[in-house]
Protein backbone atom coordinates (compact mmCIF):
# COMPACT_ATOMS: atom_id res chain seq x y z
CA MET A 1 -76.48 -61.87 -24.91
CA SER A 2 -73.20 -63.16 -25.79
CA PRO A 3 -70.96 -63.17 -22.85
CA SER A 4 -68.57 -60.39 -22.33
CA PRO A 5 -65.10 -61.57 -23.12
CA ALA A 6 -62.84 -61.91 -20.32
CA SER A 7 -60.79 -59.03 -19.32
CA GLU A 8 -56.90 -59.73 -20.65
CA PRO A 9 -54.45 -59.85 -17.46
CA VAL A 10 -52.06 -56.89 -17.38
CA VAL A 11 -48.62 -57.85 -17.36
CA GLU A 12 -46.19 -55.47 -16.07
CA ILE A 13 -42.71 -55.77 -17.45
CA ALA A 14 -39.81 -55.10 -14.92
CA ALA A 15 -37.21 -52.66 -16.28
CA PRO A 16 -33.82 -53.75 -15.85
CA PRO A 17 -32.30 -53.21 -12.91
CA GLN A 18 -29.58 -50.16 -12.77
CA PRO A 19 -26.11 -50.53 -11.49
CA ALA A 20 -25.97 -48.99 -8.11
CA GLN A 21 -24.38 -45.66 -8.31
CA ALA A 22 -21.33 -45.03 -5.57
CA PRO A 23 -21.95 -41.83 -3.32
CA PRO A 24 -19.56 -39.48 -4.28
CA ASP A 25 -16.56 -39.77 -2.00
CA VAL A 26 -16.55 -36.33 -0.45
CA GLY A 27 -13.17 -37.03 1.22
CA THR A 28 -11.41 -37.32 -1.58
CA PRO A 29 -9.25 -34.43 -2.37
CA GLU A 30 -9.46 -32.32 -5.72
CA PRO A 31 -6.59 -32.76 -8.12
CA GLN A 32 -4.97 -29.68 -7.10
CA ALA A 33 -5.23 -30.11 -3.24
CA PRO A 34 -1.69 -31.49 -3.11
CA ALA A 35 -0.14 -28.97 -5.06
CA ARG A 36 -2.46 -26.16 -2.80
CA ARG A 37 -1.26 -28.02 0.41
CA GLY A 38 2.59 -27.77 -1.01
CA LEU A 39 2.35 -24.27 -1.18
CA ALA A 40 0.69 -23.61 2.06
CA ARG A 41 3.92 -25.38 3.41
CA ALA A 42 5.77 -23.33 1.30
CA LEU A 43 4.41 -19.59 2.39
CA PRO A 44 6.34 -19.08 5.05
CA ALA A 45 9.42 -19.55 3.79
CA ILE A 46 8.03 -17.63 0.47
CA ARG A 47 7.42 -14.52 3.06
CA LEU A 48 10.63 -14.96 4.71
CA LEU A 49 12.51 -14.57 1.18
CA GLY A 50 10.46 -11.86 0.24
CA PHE A 51 11.59 -10.09 3.60
CA VAL A 52 14.95 -10.78 2.74
CA VAL A 53 15.11 -9.40 -0.83
CA ALA A 54 12.83 -6.29 0.35
CA LEU A 55 15.42 -5.59 3.26
CA GLY A 56 18.28 -5.66 0.56
CA ILE A 57 16.67 -3.80 -1.88
CA VAL A 58 16.32 -0.80 1.06
CA LEU A 59 19.39 -1.49 2.51
CA ALA A 60 21.21 -0.58 -0.86
CA MET A 61 19.03 2.68 -1.24
CA ALA A 62 20.10 3.55 2.07
CA VAL A 63 23.53 3.23 1.47
CA LYS A 64 23.39 5.04 -2.07
CA ALA A 65 21.60 7.97 -0.72
CA VAL A 66 23.87 8.09 2.53
CA ARG A 67 26.78 8.55 0.02
CA GLU A 68 24.91 11.32 -1.87
CA VAL A 69 24.64 13.68 1.53
CA GLU A 70 27.26 16.14 2.54
CA LEU A 71 27.09 15.73 6.28
CA SER A 72 28.60 18.62 7.08
CA GLN A 73 26.08 20.79 5.76
CA LEU A 74 23.76 19.45 8.49
CA ALA A 75 22.93 20.49 11.83
CA TRP A 76 22.39 17.42 13.63
CA TRP A 77 19.41 18.39 16.32
CA PRO A 78 16.54 18.68 13.73
CA LEU A 79 17.28 15.50 12.33
CA ALA A 80 16.18 13.21 15.25
CA PRO A 81 12.46 14.78 15.40
CA ALA A 82 12.33 14.63 11.42
CA PHE A 83 13.53 10.68 11.74
CA ALA A 84 10.43 10.34 14.34
CA ALA A 85 7.91 12.13 11.94
CA THR A 86 9.13 10.03 9.20
CA VAL A 87 8.46 6.91 10.99
CA ALA A 88 4.88 8.03 11.71
CA TRP A 89 4.29 8.90 7.99
CA TRP A 90 5.50 5.41 6.98
CA LEU A 91 3.69 3.62 9.47
CA LEU A 92 0.43 5.72 8.59
CA LEU A 93 0.81 4.66 4.75
CA ALA A 94 0.82 1.25 5.64
CA ARG A 95 -1.93 1.48 8.10
CA GLY A 96 -4.03 3.11 5.17
CA TRP A 97 -3.38 0.08 3.18
CA SER A 98 -4.65 -1.88 6.01
CA LEU A 99 -7.73 0.48 6.23
CA LEU A 100 -8.45 -0.10 2.59
CA SER A 101 -7.96 -3.86 1.97
CA THR A 102 -9.56 -5.19 5.58
CA GLY A 103 -11.74 -2.02 7.16
CA HIS A 104 -9.46 -2.00 10.01
CA PRO A 105 -5.68 -1.80 10.98
CA ARG A 106 -3.84 -5.25 11.26
CA ARG A 107 -0.30 -6.18 11.59
CA ALA A 108 -0.14 -8.76 9.09
CA ASP A 109 -1.59 -5.54 6.39
CA VAL A 110 1.11 -3.70 7.82
CA SER A 111 3.69 -6.26 7.15
CA THR A 112 2.62 -6.85 3.70
CA TRP A 113 2.74 -3.50 2.53
CA CYS A 114 6.11 -3.01 4.10
CA ARG A 115 7.39 -5.76 2.14
CA THR A 116 5.86 -4.95 -1.13
CA GLN A 117 6.76 -1.54 -0.92
CA SER A 118 10.35 -2.13 -1.08
CA LEU A 119 9.73 -3.06 -4.95
CA ARG A 120 8.97 0.23 -6.11
CA TYR A 121 12.85 0.74 -6.57
CA LEU A 122 12.76 -2.21 -9.28
CA PRO A 123 13.12 -0.72 -12.85
CA GLY A 124 9.32 0.22 -13.92
CA GLY A 125 8.24 1.41 -10.59
CA ILE A 126 5.02 -0.21 -11.00
CA TRP A 127 5.99 -3.35 -9.00
CA ALA A 128 4.56 -2.57 -5.54
CA PRO A 129 1.07 -1.76 -6.69
CA VAL A 130 1.23 -4.47 -8.95
CA SER A 131 2.22 -7.24 -6.17
CA ARG A 132 -0.61 -5.88 -3.96
CA VAL A 133 -2.77 -6.75 -6.90
CA ALA A 134 -1.96 -10.25 -6.75
CA ILE A 135 -1.80 -10.81 -3.07
CA VAL A 136 -5.04 -8.91 -2.03
CA ARG A 137 -8.02 -11.30 -1.36
CA GLY A 138 -11.40 -10.98 -3.26
CA THR A 139 -12.78 -10.60 -7.03
CA ILE A 140 -10.19 -8.82 -9.49
CA LEU A 141 -12.39 -5.54 -9.34
CA ASP A 142 -12.18 -5.86 -5.61
CA ARG A 143 -8.22 -6.04 -5.73
CA LEU A 144 -7.77 -3.24 -8.42
CA SER A 145 -10.36 -0.80 -6.92
CA THR A 146 -8.42 -1.51 -3.39
CA VAL A 147 -4.99 -0.87 -4.89
CA ALA A 148 -6.02 2.36 -7.43
CA ALA A 149 -7.70 3.75 -4.29
CA GLU A 150 -4.74 3.61 -1.87
CA ASN A 151 -3.05 5.54 -4.42
CA VAL A 152 -5.73 8.13 -5.40
CA ILE A 153 -6.09 8.74 -1.78
CA ALA A 154 -2.59 9.40 -0.76
CA LEU A 155 -2.32 11.27 -3.67
CA CYS A 156 -5.29 13.60 -2.88
CA ALA A 157 -4.33 13.96 0.39
CA ALA A 158 -0.93 15.16 -0.59
CA LEU A 159 -2.08 17.50 -3.03
CA GLY A 160 -4.57 18.85 -0.95
CA LEU A 161 -2.31 19.56 1.77
CA GLY A 162 0.38 20.82 0.20
CA GLY A 163 -1.60 23.37 -1.82
CA LEU A 164 -3.23 24.69 1.62
CA ALA A 165 0.13 24.87 2.72
CA LEU A 166 1.46 26.79 -0.25
CA ALA A 167 -1.86 28.96 -0.08
CA ALA A 168 -1.03 29.66 3.55
CA SER A 169 2.57 30.81 2.99
CA GLY A 170 1.18 33.63 0.70
CA ASP A 171 0.49 32.10 -2.82
CA LEU A 172 -3.16 31.70 -2.99
CA VAL A 173 -3.32 30.19 -6.39
CA TRP A 174 -2.78 26.64 -5.03
CA ALA A 175 -5.46 27.03 -2.60
CA ALA A 176 -7.35 25.34 -5.67
CA LEU A 177 -5.71 22.26 -4.86
CA ALA A 178 -7.59 21.81 -1.59
CA PRO A 179 -10.90 20.65 -2.72
CA VAL A 180 -8.94 17.44 -4.39
CA VAL A 181 -9.14 15.81 -0.76
CA ALA A 182 -12.76 15.22 -1.04
CA VAL A 183 -12.41 13.52 -4.86
CA PRO A 184 -11.92 9.91 -3.14
CA VAL A 185 -14.87 10.09 -0.77
CA LEU A 186 -17.24 11.25 -3.86
CA ALA A 187 -16.04 8.88 -6.51
CA SER A 188 -16.36 6.02 -3.94
CA ARG A 189 -20.20 6.38 -3.98
CA PHE A 190 -20.27 5.16 -7.63
CA LEU A 191 -18.53 1.85 -6.12
CA VAL A 192 -21.12 1.09 -3.47
CA GLY A 193 -22.04 -2.63 -3.80
CA ARG A 194 -19.49 -3.37 -6.45
CA THR A 195 -16.20 -3.30 -4.21
CA ARG A 196 -15.24 -3.17 -0.87
CA VAL A 197 -13.96 0.69 -1.42
CA ASP A 198 -17.44 2.43 -0.28
CA PRO A 199 -17.76 5.62 1.23
CA PRO A 200 -17.26 5.04 5.03
CA ARG A 201 -14.37 2.88 4.48
CA THR A 202 -12.90 5.42 2.02
CA LEU A 203 -13.28 8.58 4.41
CA VAL A 204 -11.49 6.45 7.48
CA ALA A 205 -8.61 6.07 5.05
CA THR A 206 -8.46 9.81 3.81
CA ARG A 207 -8.38 10.98 7.33
CA ASN A 208 -5.26 8.63 7.94
CA TYR A 209 -3.69 9.89 4.72
CA LEU A 210 -4.16 13.19 5.75
CA LEU A 211 -2.57 12.62 9.48
CA ALA A 212 0.35 10.91 7.34
CA PHE A 213 1.15 13.93 5.16
CA LEU A 214 0.97 16.21 8.04
CA ALA A 215 3.74 14.18 9.58
CA TYR A 216 5.58 14.28 6.20
CA GLY A 217 5.25 18.15 5.96
CA VAL A 218 6.86 18.20 9.54
CA SER A 219 9.52 15.89 8.75
CA ALA A 220 10.56 18.29 5.74
CA VAL A 221 10.19 21.31 7.54
CA LEU A 222 12.78 19.46 10.32
CA VAL A 223 15.22 18.36 7.35
CA GLN A 224 15.34 21.84 5.50
CA ALA A 225 15.65 23.27 9.16
CA ALA A 226 18.98 20.90 9.59
CA VAL A 227 20.41 22.56 6.26
CA SER A 228 19.59 26.30 6.43
CA GLY A 229 17.83 27.20 9.58
CA LEU A 230 13.86 27.37 9.92
CA HIS A 231 12.37 29.41 6.88
CA ASP A 232 9.17 29.79 5.29
CA PRO A 233 8.03 26.57 6.96
CA LEU A 234 4.42 26.30 5.49
CA ALA A 235 6.04 26.70 2.01
CA VAL A 236 8.47 23.99 2.68
CA ALA A 237 6.11 21.57 3.67
CA GLY A 238 3.76 22.34 0.92
CA ALA A 239 6.63 21.97 -1.31
CA ALA A 240 7.23 18.74 -0.04
CA ALA A 241 3.95 17.07 -0.29
CA LEU A 242 3.14 18.21 -3.76
CA ALA A 243 6.90 17.18 -4.57
CA TRP A 244 5.74 13.53 -2.90
CA GLY A 245 2.80 13.51 -5.47
CA ALA A 246 4.64 14.23 -8.14
CA GLY A 247 6.86 11.24 -7.75
CA LEU A 248 4.53 8.90 -7.37
CA VAL A 249 2.25 10.33 -10.80
CA ILE A 250 5.45 9.67 -12.92
CA VAL A 251 5.97 5.87 -12.43
CA ILE A 252 8.87 5.89 -14.83
CA ALA A 253 11.16 7.22 -11.88
CA PRO A 254 11.50 4.06 -9.42
CA GLY A 255 10.40 5.35 -5.96
CA GLY A 256 10.26 8.98 -7.44
CA ILE A 257 13.94 9.31 -7.42
CA GLY A 258 15.04 12.84 -8.82
CA VAL A 259 11.46 13.76 -9.52
CA ARG A 260 10.60 14.62 -6.21
CA GLU A 261 14.05 16.27 -5.20
CA ALA A 262 13.55 18.47 -8.88
CA VAL A 263 10.01 19.49 -8.04
CA TYR A 264 10.93 20.36 -4.40
CA VAL A 265 13.58 23.01 -5.91
CA ALA A 266 11.39 24.08 -8.36
CA LEU A 267 8.70 24.94 -6.09
CA LEU A 268 10.79 26.69 -3.62
CA ALA A 269 12.89 28.64 -6.05
CA GLY A 270 13.79 31.93 -4.82
CA THR A 271 13.12 31.40 -1.15
CA LEU A 272 16.45 29.76 -0.27
CA PRO A 273 19.54 29.14 -2.52
CA THR A 274 19.47 26.24 -4.74
CA ALA A 275 22.31 24.46 -2.99
CA GLU A 276 20.52 24.41 0.12
CA LEU A 277 17.31 23.52 -1.31
CA ALA A 278 19.02 20.36 -2.96
CA ALA A 279 21.07 19.38 -0.11
CA ALA A 280 17.68 19.21 1.82
CA ALA A 281 16.03 17.47 -0.91
CA VAL A 282 18.30 14.82 -0.81
CA ALA A 283 18.65 14.27 3.08
CA MET A 284 15.09 13.95 3.16
CA ARG A 285 15.45 10.99 0.69
CA VAL A 286 18.11 9.35 3.06
CA VAL A 287 15.74 9.99 6.39
CA ALA A 288 12.93 8.40 4.45
CA VAL A 289 15.06 5.66 3.41
CA ILE A 290 16.38 4.97 6.93
CA ALA A 291 12.83 5.21 8.28
CA GLU A 292 11.58 2.88 5.51
CA LEU A 293 14.33 -0.05 6.70
CA VAL A 294 13.78 0.44 10.17
CA VAL A 295 9.75 0.02 9.56
CA LEU A 296 10.52 -2.77 7.43
CA VAL A 297 12.99 -4.42 10.19
CA ALA A 298 10.18 -3.96 12.93
CA ALA A 299 6.77 -4.46 11.71
CA GLY A 300 7.51 -6.07 7.97
CA ARG A 301 8.60 -9.55 9.16
CA PRO A 302 6.17 -12.16 8.41
CA ALA A 303 4.03 -13.11 11.43
CA PRO A 304 4.76 -16.63 12.21
CA GLN A 305 1.80 -18.81 11.35
CA PRO A 306 0.09 -21.20 13.84
CA ALA A 307 0.05 -24.24 13.31
CA ALA A 308 -2.34 -26.26 11.73
CA ALA A 309 -4.95 -28.41 13.70
CA PRO A 310 -4.56 -31.84 13.72
CA ALA A 311 -7.07 -33.94 11.48
CA SER A 312 -9.88 -35.53 13.29
CA GLY A 313 -9.18 -39.29 14.61
CA SER A 314 -5.25 -38.46 14.13
CA PRO A 315 -3.12 -39.28 17.12
């Protein structure tokens, strides 16, 4: 037998060495980081500027409203409790925003709402909700649904309470508006898992807004009493709530100016002289704007920002 050929040695060819890759520099900031840091440093000044602008807008509206009132037509004793009720109404509206945006009352949210709400007086009437869409945290669906829920729940609370009050005053047809109070809670069931506006949060906010417009109705009754004495308080409270809702819906009127007064007078036509209704409607606007100004000064100031913690290793 012929000898088997010797097995050939296997030669392994080493792959050329690859250049070592540098580990990712986790400490290097993103290109936009300096801009974000600059914006963070500027935020306190921006908030302060926003507060000053809001204060100027509301102050101008207060001066304009006061000039439209014939002070000689007013009895002064009901105006102090009316003012207190209006302040409570305004604070509850701000609290409602906080409940919807974060789930619980927070001073920072109340402050933000007070500052942005003054923008409703600007031409177009949409800048208050638009500004809140821009500043509230979350996805775009979260932002839009939170701002929409604020307006819808407040509107339904005003319409529901207003309808009940007018029905209790003798005009039963207005009772048909009462069920609209439940609409936001029922509608929020379709948003479960999609946005922060879930049924429990919506229910809490609805209760808050009902209490707010109860205070608003009390204020309206007292202001009308300052003009014409206490007459048909349920009708006055109901008309004031429905007039507020009309001013909210007709966005082309900044702050509902003119719309609320006209609707209020129209709903109460025949119960009191038109001149007295008109005087009370304007006086309500004055009380509301002054209350807004007081709350803005007290609660709308931006909170001081805590000092940033020093970086590790810094002296």
